[in-house]
Amino acid sequence: QVQLVESGGGLVQPGGSLRLSCAASGSIFGLTAMGWYRQAPGKPRVLVARISVGGSPNYADSVKGRFTISRDNAKNTVYLQMSSLKPEDTAVYYCNAARVVGPDYWGKGTLVTVSS
């Protein structure tokens, strides 16, 4: 089993920044891409950003140029640096880890609220 623990959420004003972290622990052998999804109230969960083991990122169009995903394989941690935050970025952010065989792992989520 793998545990994913997110941290770094909170309340921020529009235009502000936050950095989310997700630490993986447990049987991490076999993990591949890691990423962040988000779910706003009444909406489906959607991909925000994803990064391969080799460090190749991809982003949702809505966050390109504002968010940066990175990972530290030595620490089994993935980060999401969020800048120029907008009210529409308000959501619960979930860490995700894919693996070679089997379903993805998910964290419990961390709430990001962008409001003045």
PDB file of N, CA and C in Angstrom:
ATOM      1  N   GLN A   1       0.824  -1.198   0.000  1.00  0.00           N
ATOM      2  CA  GLN A   1       0.000   0.000   0.000  1.00  0.00           C
ATOM      3  C   GLN A   1       0.861   1.252   0.000  1.00  0.00           C
ATOM      4  N   VAL A   2       0.322   2.298  -0.567  1.00  0.00           N
ATOM      5  CA  VAL A   2       1.005   3.590  -0.611  1.00  0.00           C
ATOM      6  C   VAL A   2       0.105   4.628   0.030  1.00  0.00           C
ATOM      7  N   GLN A   3       0.695   5.457   0.849  1.00  0.00           N
ATOM      8  CA  GLN A   3      -0.037   6.562   1.449  1.00  0.00           C
ATOM      9  C   GLN A   3       0.456   7.873   0.825  1.00  0.00           C
ATOM     10  N   LEU A   4      -0.491   8.710   0.465  1.00  0.00           N
ATOM     11  CA  LEU A   4      -0.181  10.031  -0.077  1.00  0.00           C
ATOM     12  C   LEU A   4      -0.743  11.071   0.887  1.00  0.00           C
ATOM     13  N   VAL A   5       0.128  11.940   1.366  1.00  0.00           N
ATOM     14  CA  VAL A   5      -0.296  12.950   2.328  1.00  0.00           C
ATOM     15  C   VAL A   5      -0.028  14.333   1.750  1.00  0.00           C
ATOM     16  N   GLU A   6      -1.111  15.076   1.547  1.00  0.00           N
ATOM     17  CA  GLU A   6      -0.998  16.428   1.004  1.00  0.00           C
ATOM     18  C   GLU A   6      -0.868  17.454   2.120  1.00  0.00           C
ATOM     19  N   SER A   7      -0.229  18.556   1.786  1.00  0.00           N
ATOM     20  CA  SER A   7      -0.151  19.687   2.721  1.00  0.00           C
ATOM     21  C   SER A   7       0.012  20.964   1.914  1.00  0.00           C
ATOM     22  N   GLY A   8      -0.258  22.089   2.570  1.00  0.00           N
ATOM     23  CA  GLY A   8      -0.019  23.378   1.944  1.00  0.00           C
ATOM     24  C   GLY A   8      -1.252  24.137   1.509  1.00  0.00           C
ATOM     25  N   GLY A   9      -2.429  23.540   1.638  1.00  0.00           N
ATOM     26  CA  GLY A   9      -3.635  24.262   1.267  1.00  0.00           C
ATOM     27  C   GLY A   9      -3.957  25.371   2.253  1.00  0.00           C
ATOM     28  N   GLY A  10      -4.949  26.170   1.896  1.00  0.00           N
ATOM     29  CA  GLY A  10      -5.353  27.252   2.783  1.00  0.00           C
ATOM     30  C   GLY A  10      -6.093  28.333   2.047  1.00  0.00           C
ATOM     31  N   LEU A  11      -6.242  29.456   2.723  1.00  0.00           N
ATOM     32  CA  LEU A  11      -6.929  30.611   2.166  1.00  0.00           C
ATOM     33  C   LEU A  11      -5.910  31.607   1.639  1.00  0.00           C
ATOM     34  N   VAL A  12      -6.135  32.075   0.428  1.00  0.00           N
ATOM     35  CA  VAL A  12      -5.225  33.042  -0.189  1.00  0.00           C
ATOM     36  C   VAL A  12      -6.048  34.036  -0.983  1.00  0.00           C
ATOM     37  N   GLN A  13      -5.546  35.247  -1.073  1.00  0.00           N
ATOM     38  CA  GLN A  13      -6.240  36.274  -1.842  1.00  0.00           C
ATOM     39  C   GLN A  13      -5.990  36.095  -3.330  1.00  0.00           C
ATOM     40  N   PRO A  14      -6.900  36.571  -4.153  1.00  0.00           N
ATOM     41  CA  PRO A  14      -6.653  36.520  -5.605  1.00  0.00           C
ATOM     42  C   PRO A  14      -5.331  37.184  -5.955  1.00  0.00           C
ATOM     43  N   GLY A  15      -4.600  36.525  -6.850  1.00  0.00           N
ATOM     44  CA  GLY A  15      -3.283  37.003  -7.229  1.00  0.00           C
ATOM     45  C   GLY A  15      -2.167  36.443  -6.381  1.00  0.00           C
ATOM     46  N   GLY A  16      -2.524  35.773  -5.298  1.00  0.00           N
ATOM     47  CA  GLY A  16      -1.525  35.225  -4.387  1.00  0.00           C
ATOM     48  C   GLY A  16      -0.970  33.894  -4.855  1.00  0.00           C
ATOM     49  N   SER A  17      -0.127  33.321  -3.993  1.00  0.00           N
ATOM     50  CA  SER A  17       0.546  32.061  -4.311  1.00  0.00           C
ATOM     51  C   SER A  17       0.420  31.078  -3.158  1.00  0.00           C
ATOM     52  N   LEU A  18       0.490  29.817  -3.504  1.00  0.00           N
ATOM     53  CA  LEU A  18       0.536  28.726  -2.529  1.00  0.00           C
ATOM     54  C   LEU A  18       1.373  27.612  -3.127  1.00  0.00           C
ATOM     55  N   ARG A  19       1.974  26.824  -2.248  1.00  0.00           N
ATOM     56  CA  ARG A  19       2.674  25.635  -2.710  1.00  0.00           C
ATOM     57  C   ARG A  19       2.112  24.421  -1.996  1.00  0.00           C
ATOM     58  N   LEU A  20       1.649  23.471  -2.785  1.00  0.00           N
ATOM     59  CA  LEU A  20       1.161  22.206  -2.252  1.00  0.00           C
ATOM     60  C   LEU A  20       2.271  21.164  -2.311  1.00  0.00           C
ATOM     61  N   SER A  21       2.274  20.300  -1.311  1.00  0.00           N
ATOM     62  CA  SER A  21       3.224  19.190  -1.280  1.00  0.00           C
ATOM     63  C   SER A  21       2.450  17.896  -1.090  1.00  0.00           C
ATOM     64  N   CYS A  22       3.005  16.842  -1.645  1.00  0.00           N
ATOM     65  CA  CYS A  22       2.422  15.510  -1.475  1.00  0.00           C
ATOM     66  C   CYS A  22       3.549  14.516  -1.280  1.00  0.00           C
ATOM     67  N   ALA A  23       3.570  13.924  -0.102  1.00  0.00           N
ATOM     68  CA  ALA A  23       4.609  12.952   0.223  1.00  0.00           C
ATOM     69  C   ALA A  23       4.044  11.548   0.130  1.00  0.00           C
ATOM     70  N   ALA A  24       4.751  10.695  -0.591  1.00  0.00           N
ATOM     71  CA  ALA A  24       4.353   9.298  -0.729  1.00  0.00           C
ATOM     72  C   ALA A  24       5.169   8.433   0.213  1.00  0.00           C
ATOM     73  N   SER A  25       4.512   7.494   0.847  1.00  0.00           N
ATOM     74  CA  SER A  25       5.206   6.563   1.737  1.00  0.00           C
ATOM     75  C   SER A  25       4.584   5.183   1.587  1.00  0.00           C
ATOM     76  N   GLY A  26       5.306   4.182   2.079  1.00  0.00           N
ATOM     77  CA  GLY A  26       4.831   2.812   1.975  1.00  0.00           C
ATOM     78  C   GLY A  26       5.516   2.085   0.825  1.00  0.00           C
ATOM     79  N   SER A  27       4.786   1.267   0.132  1.00  0.00           N
ATOM     80  CA  SER A  27       5.346   0.448  -0.957  1.00  0.00           C
ATOM     81  C   SER A  27       5.397   1.268  -2.241  1.00  0.00           C
ATOM     82  N   ILE A  28       6.357   2.175  -2.308  1.00  0.00           N
ATOM     83  CA  ILE A  28       6.405   3.127  -3.408  1.00  0.00           C
ATOM     84  C   ILE A  28       7.053   2.577  -4.674  1.00  0.00           C
ATOM     85  N   PHE A  29       7.645   1.394  -4.586  1.00  0.00           N
ATOM     86  CA  PHE A  29       8.248   0.807  -5.784  1.00  0.00           C
ATOM     87  C   PHE A  29       7.147   0.577  -6.812  1.00  0.00           C
ATOM     88  N   GLY A  30       7.407   1.002  -8.039  1.00  0.00           N
ATOM     89  CA  GLY A  30       6.425   0.799  -9.091  1.00  0.00           C
ATOM     90  C   GLY A  30       5.570   2.013  -9.373  1.00  0.00           C
ATOM     91  N   LEU A  31       5.736   3.074  -8.577  1.00  0.00           N
ATOM     92  CA  LEU A  31       5.002   4.296  -8.878  1.00  0.00           C
ATOM     93  C   LEU A  31       5.559   4.925 -10.146  1.00  0.00           C
ATOM     94  N   THR A  32       4.686   5.480 -10.928  1.00  0.00           N
ATOM     95  CA  THR A  32       5.129   6.121 -12.163  1.00  0.00           C
ATOM     96  C   THR A  32       4.812   7.609 -12.096  1.00  0.00           C
ATOM     97  N   ALA A  33       3.880   8.063 -12.906  1.00  0.00           N
ATOM     98  CA  ALA A  33       3.544   9.487 -12.895  1.00  0.00           C
ATOM     99  C   ALA A  33       2.842   9.871 -11.604  1.00  0.00           C
ATOM    100  N   MET A  34       3.073  11.108 -11.183  1.00  0.00           N
ATOM    101  CA  MET A  34       2.356  11.674 -10.038  1.00  0.00           C
ATOM    102  C   MET A  34       1.738  12.985 -10.475  1.00  0.00           C
ATOM    103  N   GLY A  35       0.684  13.365  -9.807  1.00  0.00           N
ATOM    104  CA  GLY A  35       0.034  14.589 -10.236  1.00  0.00           C
ATOM    105  C   GLY A  35      -0.963  15.118  -9.243  1.00  0.00           C
ATOM    106  N   TRP A  36      -1.634  16.168  -9.676  1.00  0.00           N
ATOM    107  CA  TRP A  36      -2.645  16.844  -8.877  1.00  0.00           C
ATOM    108  C   TRP A  36      -3.930  16.958  -9.677  1.00  0.00           C
ATOM    109  N   TYR A  37      -5.007  16.651  -9.018  1.00  0.00           N
ATOM    110  CA  TYR A  37      -6.337  16.857  -9.540  1.00  0.00           C
ATOM    111  C   TYR A  37      -7.056  17.814  -8.589  1.00  0.00           C
ATOM    112  N   ARG A  38      -8.144  18.384  -9.063  1.00  0.00           N
ATOM    113  CA  ARG A  38      -8.940  19.230  -8.176  1.00  0.00           C
ATOM    114  C   ARG A  38     -10.416  19.031  -8.446  1.00  0.00           C
ATOM    115  N   GLN A  39     -11.184  19.293  -7.389  1.00  0.00           N
ATOM    116  CA  GLN A  39     -12.629  19.158  -7.491  1.00  0.00           C
ATOM    117  C   GLN A  39     -13.282  20.340  -6.797  1.00  0.00           C
ATOM    118  N   ALA A  40     -13.962  21.145  -7.579  1.00  0.00           N
ATOM    119  CA  ALA A  40     -14.715  22.271  -7.048  1.00  0.00           C
ATOM    120  C   ALA A  40     -16.110  21.795  -6.675  1.00  0.00           C
ATOM    121  N   PRO A  41     -16.783  22.507  -5.789  1.00  0.00           N
ATOM    122  CA  PRO A  41     -18.130  22.095  -5.379  1.00  0.00           C
ATOM    123  C   PRO A  41     -19.067  21.919  -6.565  1.00  0.00           C
ATOM    124  N   GLY A  42     -19.698  20.752  -6.624  1.00  0.00           N
ATOM    125  CA  GLY A  42     -20.668  20.494  -7.680  1.00  0.00           C
ATOM    126  C   GLY A  42     -20.074  20.165  -9.033  1.00  0.00           C
ATOM    127  N   LYS A  43     -18.768  20.008  -9.072  1.00  0.00           N
ATOM    128  CA  LYS A  43     -18.103  19.720 -10.351  1.00  0.00           C
ATOM    129  C   LYS A  43     -17.302  18.435 -10.249  1.00  0.00           C
ATOM    130  N   PRO A  44     -16.984  17.824 -11.383  1.00  0.00           N
ATOM    131  CA  PRO A  44     -16.195  16.595 -11.348  1.00  0.00           C
ATOM    132  C   PRO A  44     -14.721  16.873 -11.034  1.00  0.00           C
ATOM    133  N   ARG A  45     -14.055  15.837 -10.624  1.00  0.00           N
ATOM    134  CA  ARG A  45     -12.618  15.950 -10.371  1.00  0.00           C
ATOM    135  C   ARG A  45     -11.889  16.016 -11.713  1.00  0.00           C
ATOM    136  N   VAL A  46     -10.959  16.947 -11.844  1.00  0.00           N
ATOM    137  CA  VAL A  46     -10.257  17.136 -13.116  1.00  0.00           C
ATOM    138  C   VAL A  46      -8.755  17.237 -12.892  1.00  0.00           C
ATOM    139  N   LEU A  47      -8.030  16.885 -13.912  1.00  0.00           N
ATOM    140  CA  LEU A  47      -6.576  16.966 -13.861  1.00  0.00           C
ATOM    141  C   LEU A  47      -6.119  18.415 -13.835  1.00  0.00           C
ATOM    142  N   VAL A  48      -5.161  18.710 -12.966  1.00  0.00           N
ATOM    143  CA  VAL A  48      -4.525  20.019 -12.918  1.00  0.00           C
ATOM    144  C   VAL A  48      -3.149  19.950 -13.562  1.00  0.00           C
ATOM    145  N   ALA A  49      -2.354  19.013 -13.091  1.00  0.00           N
ATOM    146  CA  ALA A  49      -0.996  18.861 -13.607  1.00  0.00           C
ATOM    147  C   ALA A  49      -0.502  17.467 -13.263  1.00  0.00           C
ATOM    148  N   ARG A  50       0.424  16.985 -14.083  1.00  0.00           N
ATOM    149  CA  ARG A  50       0.943  15.636 -13.928  1.00  0.00           C
ATOM    150  C   ARG A  50       2.405  15.660 -14.329  1.00  0.00           C
ATOM    151  N   ILE A  51       3.207  14.814 -13.698  1.00  0.00           N
ATOM    152  CA  ILE A  51       4.626  14.795 -14.018  1.00  0.00           C
ATOM    153  C   ILE A  51       5.111  13.357 -14.042  1.00  0.00           C
ATOM    154  N   SER A  52       5.890  13.044 -15.050  1.00  0.00           N
ATOM    155  CA  SER A  52       6.391  11.685 -15.201  1.00  0.00           C
ATOM    156  C   SER A  52       7.564  11.436 -14.256  1.00  0.00           C
ATOM    157  N   VAL A  53       7.983  10.195 -14.181  1.00  0.00           N
ATOM    158  CA  VAL A  53       9.150   9.855 -13.364  1.00  0.00           C
ATOM    159  C   VAL A  53      10.369  10.632 -13.834  1.00  0.00           C
ATOM    160  N   GLY A  54      10.461  10.824 -15.130  1.00  0.00           N
ATOM    161  CA  GLY A  54      11.585  11.547 -15.693  1.00  0.00           C
ATOM    162  C   GLY A  54      11.497  13.046 -15.583  1.00  0.00           C
ATOM    163  N   GLY A  55      10.354  13.541 -15.098  1.00  0.00           N
ATOM    164  CA  GLY A  55      10.213  14.972 -14.878  1.00  0.00           C
ATOM    165  C   GLY A  55       9.492  15.724 -15.968  1.00  0.00           C
ATOM    166  N   SER A  56       8.873  15.037 -16.902  1.00  0.00           N
ATOM    167  CA  SER A  56       8.127  15.735 -17.956  1.00  0.00           C
ATOM    168  C   SER A  56       6.739  16.104 -17.459  1.00  0.00           C
ATOM    169  N   PRO A  57       6.418  17.405 -17.460  1.00  0.00           N
ATOM    170  CA  PRO A  57       5.124  17.833 -16.938  1.00  0.00           C
ATOM    171  C   PRO A  57       4.084  18.017 -18.030  1.00  0.00           C
ATOM    172  N   ASN A  58       2.844  17.933 -17.641  1.00  0.00           N
ATOM    173  CA  ASN A  58       1.782  18.442 -18.493  1.00  0.00           C
ATOM    174  C   ASN A  58       0.732  19.086 -17.609  1.00  0.00           C
ATOM    175  N   TYR A  59       0.052  20.070 -18.175  1.00  0.00           N
ATOM    176  CA  TYR A  59      -0.850  20.926 -17.421  1.00  0.00           C
ATOM    177  C   TYR A  59      -2.203  21.062 -18.100  1.00  0.00           C
ATOM    178  N   ALA A  60      -3.207  21.283 -17.295  1.00  0.00           N
ATOM    179  CA  ALA A  60      -4.495  21.696 -17.830  1.00  0.00           C
ATOM    180  C   ALA A  60      -4.338  23.095 -18.413  1.00  0.00           C
ATOM    181  N   ASP A  61      -5.073  23.365 -19.470  1.00  0.00           N
ATOM    182  CA  ASP A  61      -4.967  24.674 -20.112  1.00  0.00           C
ATOM    183  C   ASP A  61      -5.264  25.808 -19.131  1.00  0.00           C
ATOM    184  N   SER A  62      -6.144  25.555 -18.196  1.00  0.00           N
ATOM    185  CA  SER A  62      -6.579  26.609 -17.276  1.00  0.00           C
ATOM    186  C   SER A  62      -5.488  27.060 -16.307  1.00  0.00           C
ATOM    187  N   VAL A  63      -4.429  26.264 -16.173  1.00  0.00           N
ATOM    188  CA  VAL A  63      -3.381  26.620 -15.207  1.00  0.00           C
ATOM    189  C   VAL A  63      -2.021  26.845 -15.868  1.00  0.00           C
ATOM    190  N   LYS A  64      -1.933  26.640 -17.155  1.00  0.00           N
ATOM    191  CA  LYS A  64      -0.651  26.832 -17.844  1.00  0.00           C
ATOM    192  C   LYS A  64      -0.140  28.253 -17.639  1.00  0.00           C
ATOM    193  N   GLY A  65       1.136  28.347 -17.326  1.00  0.00           N
ATOM    194  CA  GLY A  65       1.736  29.657 -17.098  1.00  0.00           C
ATOM    195  C   GLY A  65       1.571  30.178 -15.685  1.00  0.00           C
ATOM    196  N   ARG A  66       0.738  29.533 -14.895  1.00  0.00           N
ATOM    197  CA  ARG A  66       0.506  29.973 -13.515  1.00  0.00           C
ATOM    198  C   ARG A  66       0.966  28.929 -12.495  1.00  0.00           C
ATOM    199  N   PHE A  67       0.818  27.665 -12.840  1.00  0.00           N
ATOM    200  CA  PHE A  67       1.161  26.583 -11.927  1.00  0.00           C
ATOM    201  C   PHE A  67       2.401  25.844 -12.447  1.00  0.00           C
ATOM    202  N   THR A  68       3.202  25.355 -11.519  1.00  0.00           N
ATOM    203  CA  THR A  68       4.374  24.570 -11.865  1.00  0.00           C
ATOM    204  C   THR A  68       4.414  23.321 -11.006  1.00  0.00           C
ATOM    205  N   ILE A  69       4.498  22.169 -11.650  1.00  0.00           N
ATOM    206  CA  ILE A  69       4.602  20.907 -10.926  1.00  0.00           C
ATOM    207  C   ILE A  69       6.046  20.437 -10.954  1.00  0.00           C
ATOM    208  N   SER A  70       6.480  19.855  -9.856  1.00  0.00           N
ATOM    209  CA  SER A  70       7.834  19.311  -9.784  1.00  0.00           C
ATOM    210  C   SER A  70       7.811  18.102  -8.858  1.00  0.00           C
ATOM    211  N   ARG A  71       8.861  17.313  -8.930  1.00  0.00           N
ATOM    212  CA  ARG A  71       8.924  16.156  -8.038  1.00  0.00           C
ATOM    213  C   ARG A  71      10.354  15.932  -7.605  1.00  0.00           C
ATOM    214  N   ASP A  72      10.485  15.428  -6.393  1.00  0.00           N
ATOM    215  CA  ASP A  72      11.778  15.053  -5.832  1.00  0.00           C
ATOM    216  C   ASP A  72      11.704  13.551  -5.601  1.00  0.00           C
ATOM    217  N   ASN A  73      12.285  12.789  -6.508  1.00  0.00           N
ATOM    218  CA  ASN A  73      12.186  11.333  -6.410  1.00  0.00           C
ATOM    219  C   ASN A  73      12.911  10.792  -5.174  1.00  0.00           C
ATOM    220  N   ALA A  74      13.933  11.481  -4.739  1.00  0.00           N
ATOM    221  CA  ALA A  74      14.663  11.031  -3.545  1.00  0.00           C
ATOM    222  C   ALA A  74      13.790  11.150  -2.300  1.00  0.00           C
ATOM    223  N   LYS A  75      12.889  12.131  -2.308  1.00  0.00           N
ATOM    224  CA  LYS A  75      11.994  12.341  -1.166  1.00  0.00           C
ATOM    225  C   LYS A  75      10.605  11.787  -1.415  1.00  0.00           C
ATOM    226  N   ASN A  76      10.402  11.206  -2.599  1.00  0.00           N
ATOM    227  CA  ASN A  76       9.080  10.672  -2.961  1.00  0.00           C
ATOM    228  C   ASN A  76       7.989  11.724  -2.771  1.00  0.00           C
ATOM    229  N   THR A  77       8.289  12.918  -3.203  1.00  0.00           N
ATOM    230  CA  THR A  77       7.390  14.047  -2.988  1.00  0.00           C
ATOM    231  C   THR A  77       7.156  14.778  -4.306  1.00  0.00           C
ATOM    232  N   VAL A  78       5.915  15.209  -4.490  1.00  0.00           N
ATOM    233  CA  VAL A  78       5.560  16.017  -5.642  1.00  0.00           C
ATOM    234  C   VAL A  78       5.014  17.345  -5.131  1.00  0.00           C
ATOM    235  N   TYR A  79       5.326  18.398  -5.844  1.00  0.00           N
ATOM    236  CA  TYR A  79       4.944  19.739  -5.441  1.00  0.00           C
ATOM    237  C   TYR A  79       4.097  20.403  -6.528  1.00  0.00           C
ATOM    238  N   LEU A  80       3.264  21.328  -6.100  1.00  0.00           N
ATOM    239  CA  LEU A  80       2.527  22.155  -7.039  1.00  0.00           C
ATOM    240  C   LEU A  80       2.651  23.597  -6.578  1.00  0.00           C
ATOM    241  N   GLN A  81       3.435  24.361  -7.307  1.00  0.00           N
ATOM    242  CA  GLN A  81       3.563  25.784  -7.029  1.00  0.00           C
ATOM    243  C   GLN A  81       2.487  26.517  -7.810  1.00  0.00           C
ATOM    244  N   MET A  82       1.616  27.206  -7.077  1.00  0.00           N
ATOM    245  CA  MET A  82       0.490  27.895  -7.700  1.00  0.00           C
ATOM    246  C   MET A  82       0.668  29.401  -7.520  1.00  0.00           C
ATOM    247  N   SER A  83       0.630  30.117  -8.628  1.00  0.00           N
ATOM    248  CA  SER A  83       0.786  31.569  -8.597  1.00  0.00           C
ATOM    249  C   SER A  83      -0.371  32.216  -9.336  1.00  0.00           C
ATOM    250  N   SER A  84      -0.516  33.514  -9.151  1.00  0.00           N
ATOM    251  CA  SER A  84      -1.602  34.263  -9.803  1.00  0.00           C
ATOM    252  C   SER A  84      -2.941  33.564  -9.621  1.00  0.00           C
ATOM    253  N   LEU A  85      -3.191  33.163  -8.402  1.00  0.00           N
ATOM    254  CA  LEU A  85      -4.401  32.390  -8.123  1.00  0.00           C
ATOM    255  C   LEU A  85      -5.658  33.207  -8.363  1.00  0.00           C
ATOM    256  N   LYS A  86      -6.679  32.501  -8.844  1.00  0.00           N
ATOM    257  CA  LYS A  86      -7.962  33.107  -9.162  1.00  0.00           C
ATOM    258  C   LYS A  86      -9.047  32.446  -8.304  1.00  0.00           C
ATOM    259  N   PRO A  87     -10.152  33.133  -8.114  1.00  0.00           N
ATOM    260  CA  PRO A  87     -11.253  32.504  -7.350  1.00  0.00           C
ATOM    261  C   PRO A  87     -11.684  31.169  -7.946  1.00  0.00           C
ATOM    262  N   GLU A  88     -11.602  31.047  -9.256  1.00  0.00           N
ATOM    263  CA  GLU A  88     -12.008  29.782  -9.882  1.00  0.00           C
ATOM    264  C   GLU A  88     -11.025  28.648  -9.633  1.00  0.00           C
ATOM    265  N   ASP A  89      -9.904  28.923  -9.001  1.00  0.00           N
ATOM    266  CA  ASP A  89      -8.983  27.866  -8.601  1.00  0.00           C
ATOM    267  C   ASP A  89      -9.406  27.231  -7.273  1.00  0.00           C
ATOM    268  N   THR A  90     -10.403  27.794  -6.646  1.00  0.00           N
ATOM    269  CA  THR A  90     -10.897  27.247  -5.379  1.00  0.00           C
ATOM    270  C   THR A  90     -11.418  25.833  -5.579  1.00  0.00           C
ATOM    271  N   ALA A  91     -10.884  24.908  -4.803  1.00  0.00           N
ATOM    272  CA  ALA A  91     -11.255  23.504  -4.939  1.00  0.00           C
ATOM    273  C   ALA A  91     -10.514  22.698  -3.872  1.00  0.00           C
ATOM    274  N   VAL A  92     -10.907  21.446  -3.760  1.00  0.00           N
ATOM    275  CA  VAL A  92     -10.098  20.486  -3.011  1.00  0.00           C
ATOM    276  C   VAL A  92      -9.097  19.892  -4.001  1.00  0.00           C
ATOM    277  N   TYR A  93      -7.840  19.939  -3.632  1.00  0.00           N
ATOM    278  CA  TYR A  93      -6.775  19.435  -4.488  1.00  0.00           C
ATOM    279  C   TYR A  93      -6.327  18.074  -3.991  1.00  0.00           C
ATOM    280  N   TYR A  94      -6.304  17.118  -4.899  1.00  0.00           N
ATOM    281  CA  TYR A  94      -5.963  15.741  -4.565  1.00  0.00           C
ATOM    282  C   TYR A  94      -4.665  15.335  -5.235  1.00  0.00           C
ATOM    283  N   CYS A  95      -3.821  14.711  -4.476  1.00  0.00           N
ATOM    284  CA  CYS A  95      -2.597  14.130  -5.014  1.00  0.00           C
ATOM    285  C   CYS A  95      -2.915  12.758  -5.610  1.00  0.00           C
ATOM    286  N   ASN A  96      -2.265  12.455  -6.698  1.00  0.00           N
ATOM    287  CA  ASN A  96      -2.498  11.193  -7.400  1.00  0.00           C
ATOM    288  C   ASN A  96      -1.167  10.556  -7.753  1.00  0.00           C
ATOM    289  N   ALA A  97      -1.095   9.243  -7.636  1.00  0.00           N
ATOM    290  CA  ALA A  97       0.100   8.516  -8.049  1.00  0.00           C
ATOM    291  C   ALA A  97      -0.316   7.300  -8.853  1.00  0.00           C
ATOM    292  N   ALA A  98       0.197   7.196 -10.046  1.00  0.00           N
ATOM    293  CA  ALA A  98      -0.088   6.047 -10.896  1.00  0.00           C
ATOM    294  C   ALA A  98       0.968   4.977 -10.643  1.00  0.00           C
ATOM    295  N   ARG A  99       0.650   3.765 -11.030  1.00  0.00           N
ATOM    296  CA  ARG A  99       1.618   2.688 -10.868  1.00  0.00           C
ATOM    297  C   ARG A  99       1.592   1.791 -12.088  1.00  0.00           C
ATOM    298  N   VAL A 100       2.584   0.959 -12.195  1.00  0.00           N
ATOM    299  CA  VAL A 100       2.723   0.108 -13.377  1.00  0.00           C
ATOM    300  C   VAL A 100       1.539  -0.844 -13.491  1.00  0.00           C
ATOM    301  N   VAL A 101       1.145  -1.425 -12.387  1.00  0.00           N
ATOM    302  CA  VAL A 101       0.019  -2.363 -12.381  1.00  0.00           C
ATOM    303  C   VAL A 101      -0.930  -1.985 -11.259  1.00  0.00           C
ATOM    304  N   GLY A 102      -2.205  -1.897 -11.550  1.00  0.00           N
ATOM    305  CA  GLY A 102      -3.180  -1.604 -10.516  1.00  0.00           C
ATOM    306  C   GLY A 102      -3.725  -0.199 -10.597  1.00  0.00           C
ATOM    307  N   PRO A 103      -4.741   0.063  -9.794  1.00  0.00           N
ATOM    308  CA  PRO A 103      -5.364   1.393  -9.816  1.00  0.00           C
ATOM    309  C   PRO A 103      -4.468   2.455  -9.203  1.00  0.00           C
ATOM    310  N   ASP A 104      -4.773   3.696  -9.518  1.00  0.00           N
ATOM    311  CA  ASP A 104      -4.013   4.809  -8.973  1.00  0.00           C
ATOM    312  C   ASP A 104      -4.237   4.921  -7.471  1.00  0.00           C
ATOM    313  N   TYR A 105      -3.275   5.572  -6.826  1.00  0.00           N
ATOM    314  CA  TYR A 105      -3.437   5.936  -5.422  1.00  0.00           C
ATOM    315  C   TYR A 105      -3.879   7.397  -5.351  1.00  0.00           C
ATOM    316  N   TRP A 106      -4.636   7.698  -4.283  1.00  0.00           N
ATOM    317  CA  TRP A 106      -5.126   9.068  -4.090  1.00  0.00           C
ATOM    318  C   TRP A 106      -4.886   9.516  -2.657  1.00  0.00           C
ATOM    319  N   GLY A 107      -4.583  10.796  -2.512  1.00  0.00           N
ATOM    320  CA  GLY A 107      -4.552  11.379  -1.182  1.00  0.00           C
ATOM    321  C   GLY A 107      -5.951  11.775  -0.759  1.00  0.00           C
ATOM    322  N   LYS A 108      -6.058  12.288   0.462  1.00  0.00           N
ATOM    323  CA  LYS A 108      -7.371  12.658   1.000  1.00  0.00           C
ATOM    324  C   LYS A 108      -7.805  14.061   0.580  1.00  0.00           C
ATOM    325  N   GLY A 109      -6.867  14.827   0.067  1.00  0.00           N
ATOM    326  CA  GLY A 109      -7.203  16.150  -0.434  1.00  0.00           C
ATOM    327  C   GLY A 109      -6.856  17.273   0.520  1.00  0.00           C
ATOM    328  N   THR A 110      -6.593  18.433  -0.051  1.00  0.00           N
ATOM    329  CA  THR A 110      -6.339  19.631   0.733  1.00  0.00           C
ATOM    330  C   THR A 110      -7.102  20.783   0.082  1.00  0.00           C
ATOM    331  N   LEU A 111      -7.765  21.573   0.915  1.00  0.00           N
ATOM    332  CA  LEU A 111      -8.633  22.625   0.402  1.00  0.00           C
ATOM    333  C   LEU A 111      -7.839  23.888   0.098  1.00  0.00           C
ATOM    334  N   VAL A 112      -8.052  24.412  -1.083  1.00  0.00           N
ATOM    335  CA  VAL A 112      -7.492  25.704  -1.477  1.00  0.00           C
ATOM    336  C   VAL A 112      -8.658  26.654  -1.733  1.00  0.00           C
ATOM    337  N   THR A 113      -8.656  27.759  -1.016  1.00  0.00           N
ATOM    338  CA  THR A 113      -9.706  28.752  -1.173  1.00  0.00           C
ATOM    339  C   THR A 113      -9.068  30.069  -1.597  1.00  0.00           C
ATOM    340  N   VAL A 114      -9.524  30.589  -2.723  1.00  0.00           N
ATOM    341  CA  VAL A 114      -9.011  31.860  -3.235  1.00  0.00           C
ATOM    342  C   VAL A 114     -10.133  32.885  -3.115  1.00  0.00           C
ATOM    343  N   SER A 115      -9.941  33.794  -2.203  1.00  0.00           N
ATOM    344  CA  SER A 115     -11.014  34.754  -1.915  1.00  0.00           C
ATOM    345  C   SER A 115     -10.436  35.981  -1.239  1.00  0.00           C
ATOM    346  N   SER A 116     -11.065  37.113  -1.496  1.00  0.00           N
ATOM    347  CA  SER A 116     -10.661  38.349  -0.828  1.00  0.00           C
ATOM    348  C   SER A 116     -11.508  38.573   0.417  1.00  0.00           C
TER     349      SER A 116
END
